[in-house]
Amino acid sequence: MAIDPDRPQISSMICHRDIDLGIECLGSLLRFSRDPVQLVLHDDGSITKEDRARLENALPNVRIISKEESDDLVYPLLKTFPHCEAFRRRSAMGMKLVDAALMLEGNIILCDTDILFVRPFHSAFVFPSEDVDVIHLKDYADSYCWKPWQTMRYSLPHRFNAGMMMIRRRFFELEGMERLVRTIETSYGYSANRSYQWFVEQTCWAALAGKLRTYRWKPKQMRVISKHDRYNQDFVAGHFVGSVRHLLAAYRDEAQRWGYGDGSPSVQIELERAEPYSISNFAINRLQNRLSSASAKLFT
C-alpha cells in the first residue's frame, strides 16, 4: 500500500470481540491527533460485514485489510521462514509481528485497540531526529519470554511495550525475525510462557529494539496503565490492557472533568531514553510493584 509522506500509517489488529473498544480508542486517536495520520486495520479473520460497516462509518478514512487479502500477500513471502509462518498461523500476534512490515510502506507504527487518548496532542508519531530508531510505550512490568539472565546475546529495553510503538522500516528484515522466533521457541522461557503468545511478539520487537537507539514516550504523558495507577494532569494516552480495562472510563471522565477536550491546547509529546533490561532493573521493578500492591491493600 502506497504511503502519503505527510500522513503516517498507523496499523492496528482488530477482531470482532473488540469492535466497540476499537471504535472508542482508535476514534480517540483520530479525534485528538493534531498531526494527520492514516489508520490501517488488520482483520484477524473474525470481522463481519456489519463490523466492517460500523468501523468505516465511525473511523474517518480508515483502511481495512481483510484476513484473506493479507494471507494472499503474506504467506508467499513467508515460504522460507517456517517459524514466522507458523507463529502467524496460530496467533494474531504473529500477524501483528509481520503484516504491517510486509504490506505497508513507510516506518512501522503499531497501536492496539485498547489505547485511549484523552486530549489533543502532536509530535507523537514522528521521529524527532535521525538519532532515534525506535519509540515505545513504557510498561509497568517486563513482559517477555525471557528473564534478564536468559537473554543470551540479546539486549532488551526495560519495560518495553509493543502495544504502541514505532520502528524505522529499514531495521525490519524477515531473516532476523525468523532467527528471533526460532530462538524464543526453543528457549526455556518460551516453554514457561507458551500460553502467552503476545510475549513472543513483544520479545521479538524488544530484542530488535535493544540493538538500536531506542526511546520511549514519557510515561507521565503516555504509558501502560497498572491497577495501582492514578490519573495525572499531564496524561494524554494509556494502554488499558485486559486486567485494567475497567479503569478506562474513569480516566476518560477524569480528563473531561479537568476540561480536556477538542478545544484544549495541543500537547507536544516528549521522549526519554529507554533503560536496559538488566537484573538490577528487573529486581527493582518487581520490588516496586509489590510495594505498590501492599500499599494499595493497606489503604483500602
C-alpha atoms as a PDB file:
ATOM      1  CA  MET A   1       0.000   0.000   0.000  1.00  0.00           C
ATOM      2  CA  ALA A   2       1.454   3.352  -1.033  1.00  0.00           C
ATOM      3  CA  ILE A   3       2.040   5.924   1.685  1.00  0.00           C
ATOM      4  CA  ASP A   4       1.294   9.613   1.850  1.00  0.00           C
ATOM      5  CA  PRO A   5       4.532  11.034   3.371  1.00  0.00           C
ATOM      6  CA  ASP A   6       2.507  13.660   5.218  1.00  0.00           C
ATOM      7  CA  ARG A   7       0.138  11.086   6.731  1.00  0.00           C
ATOM      8  CA  PRO A   8       1.910   8.246   8.596  1.00  0.00           C
ATOM      9  CA  GLN A   9       0.108   4.902   8.528  1.00  0.00           C
ATOM     10  CA  ILE A  10      -0.796   3.523  11.951  1.00  0.00           C
ATOM     11  CA  SER A  11      -1.560  -0.202  11.979  1.00  0.00           C
ATOM     12  CA  SER A  12      -3.889  -1.921  14.402  1.00  0.00           C
ATOM     13  CA  MET A  13      -5.077  -5.535  14.703  1.00  0.00           C
ATOM     14  CA  ILE A  14      -8.860  -5.718  15.042  1.00  0.00           C
ATOM     15  CA  CYS A  15     -11.211  -8.558  15.973  1.00  0.00           C
ATOM     16  CA  HIS A  16     -14.977  -8.957  16.283  1.00  0.00           C
ATOM     17  CA  ARG A  17     -14.825  -9.003  20.081  1.00  0.00           C
ATOM     18  CA  ASP A  18     -13.153  -5.590  20.257  1.00  0.00           C
ATOM     19  CA  ILE A  19     -15.202  -3.605  17.737  1.00  0.00           C
ATOM     20  CA  ASP A  20     -16.750  -1.287  20.344  1.00  0.00           C
ATOM     21  CA  LEU A  21     -13.423  -0.855  22.134  1.00  0.00           C
ATOM     22  CA  GLY A  22     -11.620  -0.174  18.863  1.00  0.00           C
ATOM     23  CA  ILE A  23     -14.168   2.405  17.772  1.00  0.00           C
ATOM     24  CA  GLU A  24     -13.775   4.269  21.062  1.00  0.00           C
ATOM     25  CA  CYS A  25      -9.992   4.073  21.385  1.00  0.00           C
ATOM     26  CA  LEU A  26      -8.935   4.376  17.749  1.00  0.00           C
ATOM     27  CA  GLY A  27     -11.588   7.034  17.353  1.00  0.00           C
ATOM     28  CA  SER A  28      -9.945   8.970  20.178  1.00  0.00           C
ATOM     29  CA  LEU A  29      -6.596   8.740  18.357  1.00  0.00           C
ATOM     30  CA  LEU A  30      -8.095  10.230  15.201  1.00  0.00           C
ATOM     31  CA  ARG A  31     -10.047  12.796  17.197  1.00  0.00           C
ATOM     32  CA  PHE A  32      -7.147  14.144  19.225  1.00  0.00           C
ATOM     33  CA  SER A  33      -4.123  13.778  16.936  1.00  0.00           C
ATOM     34  CA  ARG A  34      -3.297  17.207  15.538  1.00  0.00           C
ATOM     35  CA  ASP A  35      -0.909  15.562  13.073  1.00  0.00           C
ATOM     36  CA  PRO A  36      -2.609  13.893  10.083  1.00  0.00           C
ATOM     37  CA  VAL A  37      -2.483  10.084  10.247  1.00  0.00           C
ATOM     38  CA  GLN A  38      -3.897   7.185   8.207  1.00  0.00           C
ATOM     39  CA  LEU A  39      -5.441   4.351  10.222  1.00  0.00           C
ATOM     40  CA  VAL A  40      -5.000   0.843   8.776  1.00  0.00           C
ATOM     41  CA  LEU A  41      -6.905  -2.017  10.429  1.00  0.00           C
ATOM     42  CA  HIS A  42      -5.803  -5.633  10.007  1.00  0.00           C
ATOM     43  CA  ASP A  43      -8.721  -8.057  10.339  1.00  0.00           C
ATOM     44  CA  ASP A  44      -7.754 -11.167  12.318  1.00  0.00           C
ATOM     45  CA  GLY A  45     -10.368 -13.167  10.415  1.00  0.00           C
ATOM     46  CA  SER A  46     -13.318 -12.619  12.742  1.00  0.00           C
ATOM     47  CA  ILE A  47     -14.657  -9.307  11.361  1.00  0.00           C
ATOM     48  CA  THR A  48     -18.184  -9.481   9.931  1.00  0.00           C
ATOM     49  CA  LYS A  49     -19.705  -7.328   7.194  1.00  0.00           C
ATOM     50  CA  GLU A  50     -21.645  -5.480   9.872  1.00  0.00           C
ATOM     51  CA  ASP A  51     -18.418  -4.882  11.854  1.00  0.00           C
ATOM     52  CA  ARG A  52     -16.707  -3.525   8.776  1.00  0.00           C
ATOM     53  CA  ALA A  53     -19.571  -1.141   8.061  1.00  0.00           C
ATOM     54  CA  ARG A  54     -19.521   0.139  11.644  1.00  0.00           C
ATOM     55  CA  LEU A  55     -15.763   0.719  11.537  1.00  0.00           C
ATOM     56  CA  GLU A  56     -15.895   2.539   8.221  1.00  0.00           C
ATOM     57  CA  ASN A  57     -18.738   4.706   9.470  1.00  0.00           C
ATOM     58  CA  ALA A  58     -17.075   5.565  12.802  1.00  0.00           C
ATOM     59  CA  LEU A  59     -13.412   5.992  11.783  1.00  0.00           C
ATOM     60  CA  PRO A  60     -12.803   8.585   9.039  1.00  0.00           C
ATOM     61  CA  ASN A  61     -10.780   7.371   6.030  1.00  0.00           C
ATOM     62  CA  VAL A  62      -9.975   4.049   7.689  1.00  0.00           C
ATOM     63  CA  ARG A  63      -8.425   1.315   5.532  1.00  0.00           C
ATOM     64  CA  ILE A  64      -9.444  -2.234   6.495  1.00  0.00           C
ATOM     65  CA  ILE A  65      -7.341  -5.145   5.232  1.00  0.00           C
ATOM     66  CA  SER A  66      -9.216  -8.450   5.275  1.00  0.00           C
ATOM     67  CA  LYS A  67      -7.605 -11.659   6.503  1.00  0.00           C
ATOM     68  CA  GLU A  68      -7.974 -13.144   3.011  1.00  0.00           C
ATOM     69  CA  GLU A  69      -6.194 -10.184   1.453  1.00  0.00           C
ATOM     70  CA  SER A  70      -3.332 -10.318   3.922  1.00  0.00           C
ATOM     71  CA  ASP A  71      -2.998 -14.126   3.675  1.00  0.00           C
ATOM     72  CA  ASP A  72      -2.694 -13.934  -0.114  1.00  0.00           C
ATOM     73  CA  LEU A  73       0.127 -11.421   0.123  1.00  0.00           C
ATOM     74  CA  VAL A  74       1.996 -12.501   3.259  1.00  0.00           C
ATOM     75  CA  TYR A  75       2.130 -16.310   3.117  1.00  0.00           C
ATOM     76  CA  PRO A  76       4.074 -16.435  -0.171  1.00  0.00           C
ATOM     77  CA  LEU A  77       6.654 -14.131   1.428  1.00  0.00           C
ATOM     78  CA  LEU A  78       6.961 -16.448   4.445  1.00  0.00           C
ATOM     79  CA  LYS A  79       7.603 -19.659   2.466  1.00  0.00           C
ATOM     80  CA  THR A  80      11.242 -19.822   3.533  1.00  0.00           C
ATOM     81  CA  PHE A  81      10.582 -18.571   7.080  1.00  0.00           C
ATOM     82  CA  PRO A  82       8.802 -21.501   8.753  1.00  0.00           C
ATOM     83  CA  HIS A  83       8.846 -20.210  12.340  1.00  0.00           C
ATOM     84  CA  CYS A  84       7.368 -16.830  11.377  1.00  0.00           C
ATOM     85  CA  GLU A  85       4.795 -18.591   9.203  1.00  0.00           C
ATOM     86  CA  ALA A  86       3.771 -20.981  11.987  1.00  0.00           C
ATOM     87  CA  PHE A  87       3.561 -18.125  14.512  1.00  0.00           C
ATOM     88  CA  ARG A  88       1.321 -16.168  12.171  1.00  0.00           C
ATOM     89  CA  ARG A  89      -0.941 -19.176  11.529  1.00  0.00           C
ATOM     90  CA  ARG A  90      -1.513 -19.895  15.200  1.00  0.00           C
ATOM     91  CA  SER A  91      -1.840 -16.372  16.578  1.00  0.00           C
ATOM     92  CA  ALA A  92      -2.979 -12.869  15.673  1.00  0.00           C
ATOM     93  CA  MET A  93       0.210 -11.751  17.432  1.00  0.00           C
ATOM     94  CA  GLY A  94       2.133 -13.362  14.585  1.00  0.00           C
ATOM     95  CA  MET A  95       0.096 -11.250  12.175  1.00  0.00           C
ATOM     96  CA  LYS A  96       0.946  -8.160  14.190  1.00  0.00           C
ATOM     97  CA  LEU A  97       4.640  -9.044  14.053  1.00  0.00           C
ATOM     98  CA  VAL A  98       4.917  -9.304  10.268  1.00  0.00           C
ATOM     99  CA  ASP A  99       1.865  -7.981   8.398  1.00  0.00           C
ATOM    100  CA  ALA A 100       2.328  -4.231   8.739  1.00  0.00           C
ATOM    101  CA  ALA A 101       6.006  -4.558   7.854  1.00  0.00           C
ATOM    102  CA  LEU A 102       5.309  -6.676   4.767  1.00  0.00           C
ATOM    103  CA  MET A 103       2.138  -4.975   3.497  1.00  0.00           C
ATOM    104  CA  LEU A 104       2.689  -1.264   4.086  1.00  0.00           C
ATOM    105  CA  GLU A 105       5.306   1.275   3.111  1.00  0.00           C
ATOM    106  CA  GLY A 106       6.974   3.779   5.380  1.00  0.00           C
ATOM    107  CA  ASN A 107       8.014   3.383   9.004  1.00  0.00           C
ATOM    108  CA  ILE A 108       6.248   0.736  11.098  1.00  0.00           C
ATOM    109  CA  ILE A 109       3.782   2.260  13.569  1.00  0.00           C
ATOM    110  CA  LEU A 110       1.589  -0.014  15.686  1.00  0.00           C
ATOM    111  CA  CYS A 111      -1.272   0.921  18.004  1.00  0.00           C
ATOM    112  CA  ASP A 112      -3.527  -1.568  19.800  1.00  0.00           C
ATOM    113  CA  THR A 113      -7.284  -1.158  20.027  1.00  0.00           C
ATOM    114  CA  ASP A 114      -7.171  -0.648  23.827  1.00  0.00           C
ATOM    115  CA  ILE A 115      -5.115   2.571  23.863  1.00  0.00           C
ATOM    116  CA  LEU A 116      -7.261   5.569  24.778  1.00  0.00           C
ATOM    117  CA  PHE A 117      -6.329   9.201  24.040  1.00  0.00           C
ATOM    118  CA  VAL A 118      -7.994  11.901  26.137  1.00  0.00           C
ATOM    119  CA  ARG A 119      -6.728  15.270  24.881  1.00  0.00           C
ATOM    120  CA  PRO A 120      -5.250  16.935  21.780  1.00  0.00           C
ATOM    121  CA  PHE A 121      -1.594  16.093  21.102  1.00  0.00           C
ATOM    122  CA  HIS A 122       1.065  16.379  18.426  1.00  0.00           C
ATOM    123  CA  SER A 123       4.535  15.025  17.559  1.00  0.00           C
ATOM    124  CA  ALA A 124       3.800  11.504  18.818  1.00  0.00           C
ATOM    125  CA  PHE A 125       4.107   9.598  15.523  1.00  0.00           C
ATOM    126  CA  VAL A 126       7.182  11.234  14.035  1.00  0.00           C
ATOM    127  CA  PHE A 127      10.831  10.516  14.703  1.00  0.00           C
ATOM    128  CA  PRO A 128      12.254  13.756  16.117  1.00  0.00           C
ATOM    129  CA  SER A 129      15.712  13.197  14.650  1.00  0.00           C
ATOM    130  CA  GLU A 130      17.942  10.682  12.914  1.00  0.00           C
ATOM    131  CA  ASP A 131      19.279   9.736  16.348  1.00  0.00           C
ATOM    132  CA  VAL A 132      16.028   7.910  17.209  1.00  0.00           C
ATOM    133  CA  ASP A 133      15.286   4.488  15.701  1.00  0.00           C
ATOM    134  CA  VAL A 134      12.560   3.075  17.971  1.00  0.00           C
ATOM    135  CA  ILE A 135       9.879   4.609  20.225  1.00  0.00           C
ATOM    136  CA  HIS A 136       7.704   2.575  22.576  1.00  0.00           C
ATOM    137  CA  LEU A 137       5.294   2.782  25.498  1.00  0.00           C
ATOM    138  CA  LYS A 138       6.655   2.194  28.971  1.00  0.00           C
ATOM    139  CA  ASP A 139       5.091  -0.861  30.609  1.00  0.00           C
ATOM    140  CA  TYR A 140       4.625  -1.323  34.339  1.00  0.00           C
ATOM    141  CA  ALA A 141       6.455  -4.664  34.166  1.00  0.00           C
ATOM    142  CA  ASP A 142       8.797  -6.648  31.919  1.00  0.00           C
ATOM    143  CA  SER A 143       6.534  -8.987  29.949  1.00  0.00           C
ATOM    144  CA  TYR A 144       8.971 -11.127  27.973  1.00  0.00           C
ATOM    145  CA  CYS A 145       9.610 -14.805  27.306  1.00  0.00           C
ATOM    146  CA  TRP A 146      12.997 -14.331  28.967  1.00  0.00           C
ATOM    147  CA  LYS A 147      14.153 -13.222  32.372  1.00  0.00           C
ATOM    148  CA  PRO A 148      17.158 -10.852  32.158  1.00  0.00           C
ATOM    149  CA  TRP A 149      19.603 -13.700  32.814  1.00  0.00           C
ATOM    150  CA  GLN A 150      18.104 -15.745  29.920  1.00  0.00           C
ATOM    151  CA  THR A 151      18.555 -13.225  27.079  1.00  0.00           C
ATOM    152  CA  MET A 152      21.768 -14.797  25.728  1.00  0.00           C
ATOM    153  CA  ARG A 153      23.374 -12.417  23.191  1.00  0.00           C
ATOM    154  CA  TYR A 154      20.342 -10.148  23.000  1.00  0.00           C
ATOM    155  CA  SER A 155      19.938  -6.805  24.772  1.00  0.00           C
ATOM    156  CA  LEU A 156      16.365  -5.742  25.526  1.00  0.00           C
ATOM    157  CA  PRO A 157      14.934  -2.426  26.767  1.00  0.00           C
ATOM    158  CA  HIS A 158      13.467  -2.362  30.265  1.00  0.00           C
ATOM    159  CA  ARG A 159       9.630  -2.295  30.446  1.00  0.00           C
ATOM    160  CA  PHE A 160       9.159  -2.275  26.677  1.00  0.00           C
ATOM    161  CA  ASN A 161       5.543  -2.419  25.496  1.00  0.00           C
ATOM    162  CA  ALA A 162       4.667  -3.111  21.860  1.00  0.00           C
ATOM    163  CA  GLY A 163       1.032  -2.047  22.244  1.00  0.00           C
ATOM    164  CA  MET A 164       2.071   1.246  20.711  1.00  0.00           C
ATOM    165  CA  MET A 165       5.489   1.502  19.112  1.00  0.00           C
ATOM    166  CA  MET A 166       7.401   2.856  16.135  1.00  0.00           C
ATOM    167  CA  ILE A 167      10.456   1.487  14.357  1.00  0.00           C
ATOM    168  CA  ARG A 168      12.244   2.637  11.243  1.00  0.00           C
ATOM    169  CA  ARG A 169      11.411   0.270   8.403  1.00  0.00           C
ATOM    170  CA  ARG A 170      14.998  -0.327   7.364  1.00  0.00           C
ATOM    171  CA  PHE A 171      15.621  -2.291  10.568  1.00  0.00           C
ATOM    172  CA  PHE A 172      12.910  -4.901   9.913  1.00  0.00           C
ATOM    173  CA  GLU A 173      14.029  -7.924   7.948  1.00  0.00           C
ATOM    174  CA  LEU A 174      12.480 -11.387   7.888  1.00  0.00           C
ATOM    175  CA  GLU A 175      15.764 -13.250   8.344  1.00  0.00           C
ATOM    176  CA  GLY A 176      16.277 -11.567  11.699  1.00  0.00           C
ATOM    177  CA  MET A 177      12.686 -12.123  12.814  1.00  0.00           C
ATOM    178  CA  GLU A 178      12.904 -15.785  11.833  1.00  0.00           C
ATOM    179  CA  ARG A 179      16.029 -16.206  13.990  1.00  0.00           C
ATOM    180  CA  LEU A 180      14.324 -14.451  16.887  1.00  0.00           C
ATOM    181  CA  VAL A 181      11.118 -16.504  16.766  1.00  0.00           C
ATOM    182  CA  ARG A 182      13.126 -19.727  16.445  1.00  0.00           C
ATOM    183  CA  THR A 183      15.420 -18.788  19.343  1.00  0.00           C
ATOM    184  CA  ILE A 184      12.475 -17.864  21.579  1.00  0.00           C
ATOM    185  CA  GLU A 185      10.516 -21.017  20.773  1.00  0.00           C
ATOM    186  CA  THR A 186      13.458 -23.260  21.627  1.00  0.00           C
ATOM    187  CA  SER A 187      14.234 -21.493  24.909  1.00  0.00           C
ATOM    188  CA  TYR A 188      13.084 -22.393  28.409  1.00  0.00           C
ATOM    189  CA  GLY A 189      11.439 -19.020  28.767  1.00  0.00           C
ATOM    190  CA  TYR A 190       9.069 -19.813  25.920  1.00  0.00           C
ATOM    191  CA  SER A 191       8.065 -23.188  27.335  1.00  0.00           C
ATOM    192  CA  ALA A 192       7.266 -21.470  30.631  1.00  0.00           C
ATOM    193  CA  ASN A 193       5.100 -18.843  28.889  1.00  0.00           C
ATOM    194  CA  ARG A 194       3.729 -20.836  25.948  1.00  0.00           C
ATOM    195  CA  SER A 195       0.145 -19.738  26.507  1.00  0.00           C
ATOM    196  CA  TYR A 196       1.042 -16.030  26.305  1.00  0.00           C
ATOM    197  CA  GLN A 197       1.641 -15.604  22.581  1.00  0.00           C
ATOM    198  CA  TRP A 198       1.863 -11.830  22.929  1.00  0.00           C
ATOM    199  CA  PHE A 199       5.031 -12.424  24.966  1.00  0.00           C
ATOM    200  CA  VAL A 200       6.633 -13.812  21.786  1.00  0.00           C
ATOM    201  CA  GLU A 201       5.692 -10.798  19.680  1.00  0.00           C
ATOM    202  CA  GLN A 202       6.771  -8.338  22.361  1.00  0.00           C
ATOM    203  CA  THR A 203      10.065 -10.150  22.991  1.00  0.00           C
ATOM    204  CA  CYS A 204      10.844 -10.076  19.255  1.00  0.00           C
ATOM    205  CA  TRP A 205      10.282  -6.329  18.973  1.00  0.00           C
ATOM    206  CA  ALA A 206      12.207  -5.687  22.197  1.00  0.00           C
ATOM    207  CA  ALA A 207      15.173  -7.781  21.063  1.00  0.00           C
ATOM    208  CA  LEU A 208      15.260  -5.831  17.810  1.00  0.00           C
ATOM    209  CA  ALA A 209      14.937  -2.520  19.660  1.00  0.00           C
ATOM    210  CA  GLY A 210      17.692  -3.478  22.085  1.00  0.00           C
ATOM    211  CA  LYS A 211      20.391  -3.082  19.448  1.00  0.00           C
ATOM    212  CA  LEU A 212      19.051   0.248  18.195  1.00  0.00           C
ATOM    213  CA  ARG A 213      18.719   3.792  19.506  1.00  0.00           C
ATOM    214  CA  THR A 214      15.549   3.284  21.489  1.00  0.00           C
ATOM    215  CA  TYR A 215      13.407   5.855  23.274  1.00  0.00           C
ATOM    216  CA  ARG A 216      10.014   5.788  24.902  1.00  0.00           C
ATOM    217  CA  TRP A 217       7.206   8.291  25.166  1.00  0.00           C
ATOM    218  CA  LYS A 218       7.455   9.999  28.548  1.00  0.00           C
ATOM    219  CA  PRO A 219       5.240   7.950  30.868  1.00  0.00           C
ATOM    220  CA  LYS A 220       3.719  10.994  32.547  1.00  0.00           C
ATOM    221  CA  GLN A 221       2.043  11.542  29.152  1.00  0.00           C
ATOM    222  CA  MET A 222       1.626   8.056  27.679  1.00  0.00           C
ATOM    223  CA  ARG A 223       2.054   4.698  29.407  1.00  0.00           C
ATOM    224  CA  VAL A 224       0.655   1.271  30.132  1.00  0.00           C
ATOM    225  CA  ILE A 225      -1.855   1.601  32.951  1.00  0.00           C
ATOM    226  CA  SER A 226      -1.443  -0.595  36.022  1.00  0.00           C
ATOM    227  CA  LYS A 227      -4.091  -1.421  38.593  1.00  0.00           C
ATOM    228  CA  HIS A 228      -2.362   0.953  41.054  1.00  0.00           C
ATOM    229  CA  ASP A 229      -2.035   3.792  38.549  1.00  0.00           C
ATOM    230  CA  ARG A 230      -3.536   7.215  39.130  1.00  0.00           C
ATOM    231  CA  TYR A 231      -4.654   9.865  36.648  1.00  0.00           C
ATOM    232  CA  ASN A 232      -2.364  12.904  36.359  1.00  0.00           C
ATOM    233  CA  GLN A 233      -2.904  16.228  34.578  1.00  0.00           C
ATOM    234  CA  ASP A 234      -0.138  15.508  32.043  1.00  0.00           C
ATOM    235  CA  PHE A 235      -1.870  12.316  30.928  1.00  0.00           C
ATOM    236  CA  VAL A 236      -2.533  12.027  27.176  1.00  0.00           C
ATOM    237  CA  ALA A 237      -2.922   8.319  26.421  1.00  0.00           C
ATOM    238  CA  GLY A 238      -2.945   4.988  28.216  1.00  0.00           C
ATOM    239  CA  HIS A 239      -2.795   1.340  27.256  1.00  0.00           C
ATOM    240  CA  PHE A 240      -5.678  -0.260  29.150  1.00  0.00           C
ATOM    241  CA  VAL A 241      -4.828  -3.959  28.988  1.00  0.00           C
ATOM    242  CA  GLY A 242      -7.457  -6.516  29.970  1.00  0.00           C
ATOM    243  CA  SER A 243      -6.800  -6.528  33.706  1.00  0.00           C
ATOM    244  CA  VAL A 244      -7.338  -2.751  33.967  1.00  0.00           C
ATOM    245  CA  ARG A 245      -9.917  -2.279  31.225  1.00  0.00           C
ATOM    246  CA  HIS A 246     -12.436  -1.209  33.878  1.00  0.00           C
ATOM    247  CA  LEU A 247     -10.318   1.920  34.548  1.00  0.00           C
ATOM    248  CA  LEU A 248     -10.653   3.256  31.005  1.00  0.00           C
ATOM    249  CA  ALA A 249     -13.905   5.108  31.594  1.00  0.00           C
ATOM    250  CA  ALA A 250     -12.589   6.645  34.814  1.00  0.00           C
ATOM    251  CA  TYR A 251      -9.547   8.132  33.035  1.00  0.00           C
ATOM    252  CA  ARG A 252     -11.707   9.410  30.183  1.00  0.00           C
ATOM    253  CA  ASP A 253     -14.151  11.004  32.599  1.00  0.00           C
ATOM    254  CA  GLU A 254     -11.385  12.485  34.752  1.00  0.00           C
ATOM    255  CA  ALA A 255      -9.839  14.193  31.714  1.00  0.00           C
ATOM    256  CA  GLN A 256     -13.240  15.665  30.877  1.00  0.00           C
ATOM    257  CA  ARG A 257     -13.623  16.938  34.448  1.00  0.00           C
ATOM    258  CA  TRP A 258     -10.325  18.773  34.053  1.00  0.00           C
ATOM    259  CA  GLY A 259     -11.710  20.374  30.902  1.00  0.00           C
ATOM    260  CA  TYR A 260      -9.594  18.491  28.381  1.00  0.00           C
ATOM    261  CA  GLY A 261     -11.376  18.035  25.062  1.00  0.00           C
ATOM    262  CA  ASP A 262     -11.457  19.077  21.434  1.00  0.00           C
ATOM    263  CA  GLY A 263     -10.855  22.736  22.252  1.00  0.00           C
ATOM    264  CA  SER A 264      -7.877  22.169  24.559  1.00  0.00           C
ATOM    265  CA  PRO A 265      -4.388  23.254  23.500  1.00  0.00           C
ATOM    266  CA  SER A 266      -2.413  20.551  21.733  1.00  0.00           C
ATOM    267  CA  VAL A 267       0.251  18.925  23.933  1.00  0.00           C
ATOM    268  CA  GLN A 268       3.667  18.134  22.463  1.00  0.00           C
ATOM    269  CA  ILE A 269       4.602  14.537  23.204  1.00  0.00           C
ATOM    270  CA  GLU A 270       8.072  14.175  24.711  1.00  0.00           C
ATOM    271  CA  LEU A 271      10.558  11.306  24.760  1.00  0.00           C
ATOM    272  CA  GLU A 272      13.091   9.858  27.161  1.00  0.00           C
ATOM    273  CA  ARG A 273      15.872   7.332  26.621  1.00  0.00           C
ATOM    274  CA  ALA A 274      14.958   3.702  27.247  1.00  0.00           C
ATOM    275  CA  GLU A 275      16.707   1.848  30.061  1.00  0.00           C
ATOM    276  CA  PRO A 276      18.337  -1.591  29.656  1.00  0.00           C
ATOM    277  CA  TYR A 277      16.608  -4.790  30.749  1.00  0.00           C
ATOM    278  CA  SER A 278      19.056  -5.789  33.459  1.00  0.00           C
ATOM    279  CA  ILE A 279      18.872  -7.983  36.542  1.00  0.00           C
ATOM    280  CA  SER A 280      19.036  -4.914  38.788  1.00  0.00           C
ATOM    281  CA  ASN A 281      16.287  -3.021  36.908  1.00  0.00           C
ATOM    282  CA  PHE A 282      14.145  -6.153  36.798  1.00  0.00           C
ATOM    283  CA  ALA A 283      14.542  -6.740  40.549  1.00  0.00           C
ATOM    284  CA  ILE A 284      13.882  -3.105  41.473  1.00  0.00           C
ATOM    285  CA  ASN A 285      10.747  -3.038  39.335  1.00  0.00           C
ATOM    286  CA  ARG A 286       9.435  -6.270  40.869  1.00  0.00           C
ATOM    287  CA  LEU A 287      10.017  -4.862  44.354  1.00  0.00           C
ATOM    288  CA  GLN A 288       8.320  -1.539  43.490  1.00  0.00           C
ATOM    289  CA  ASN A 289       5.267  -3.337  42.108  1.00  0.00           C
ATOM    290  CA  ARG A 290       4.967  -5.490  45.217  1.00  0.00           C
ATOM    291  CA  LEU A 291       5.264  -2.450  47.471  1.00  0.00           C
ATOM    292  CA  SER A 292       2.577  -0.671  45.429  1.00  0.00           C
ATOM    293  CA  SER A 293       0.311  -3.683  45.760  1.00  0.00           C
ATOM    294  CA  ALA A 294       0.875  -3.917  49.517  1.00  0.00           C
ATOM    295  CA  SER A 295       0.295  -0.169  49.928  1.00  0.00           C
ATOM    296  CA  ALA A 296      -2.958  -0.361  47.974  1.00  0.00           C
ATOM    297  CA  LYS A 297      -4.228  -3.204  50.168  1.00  0.00           C
ATOM    298  CA  LEU A 298      -3.214  -1.343  53.308  1.00  0.00           C
ATOM    299  CA  PHE A 299      -5.210   1.761  52.434  1.00  0.00           C
ATOM    300  CA  THR A 300      -8.337   0.097  51.051  1.00  0.00           C
END
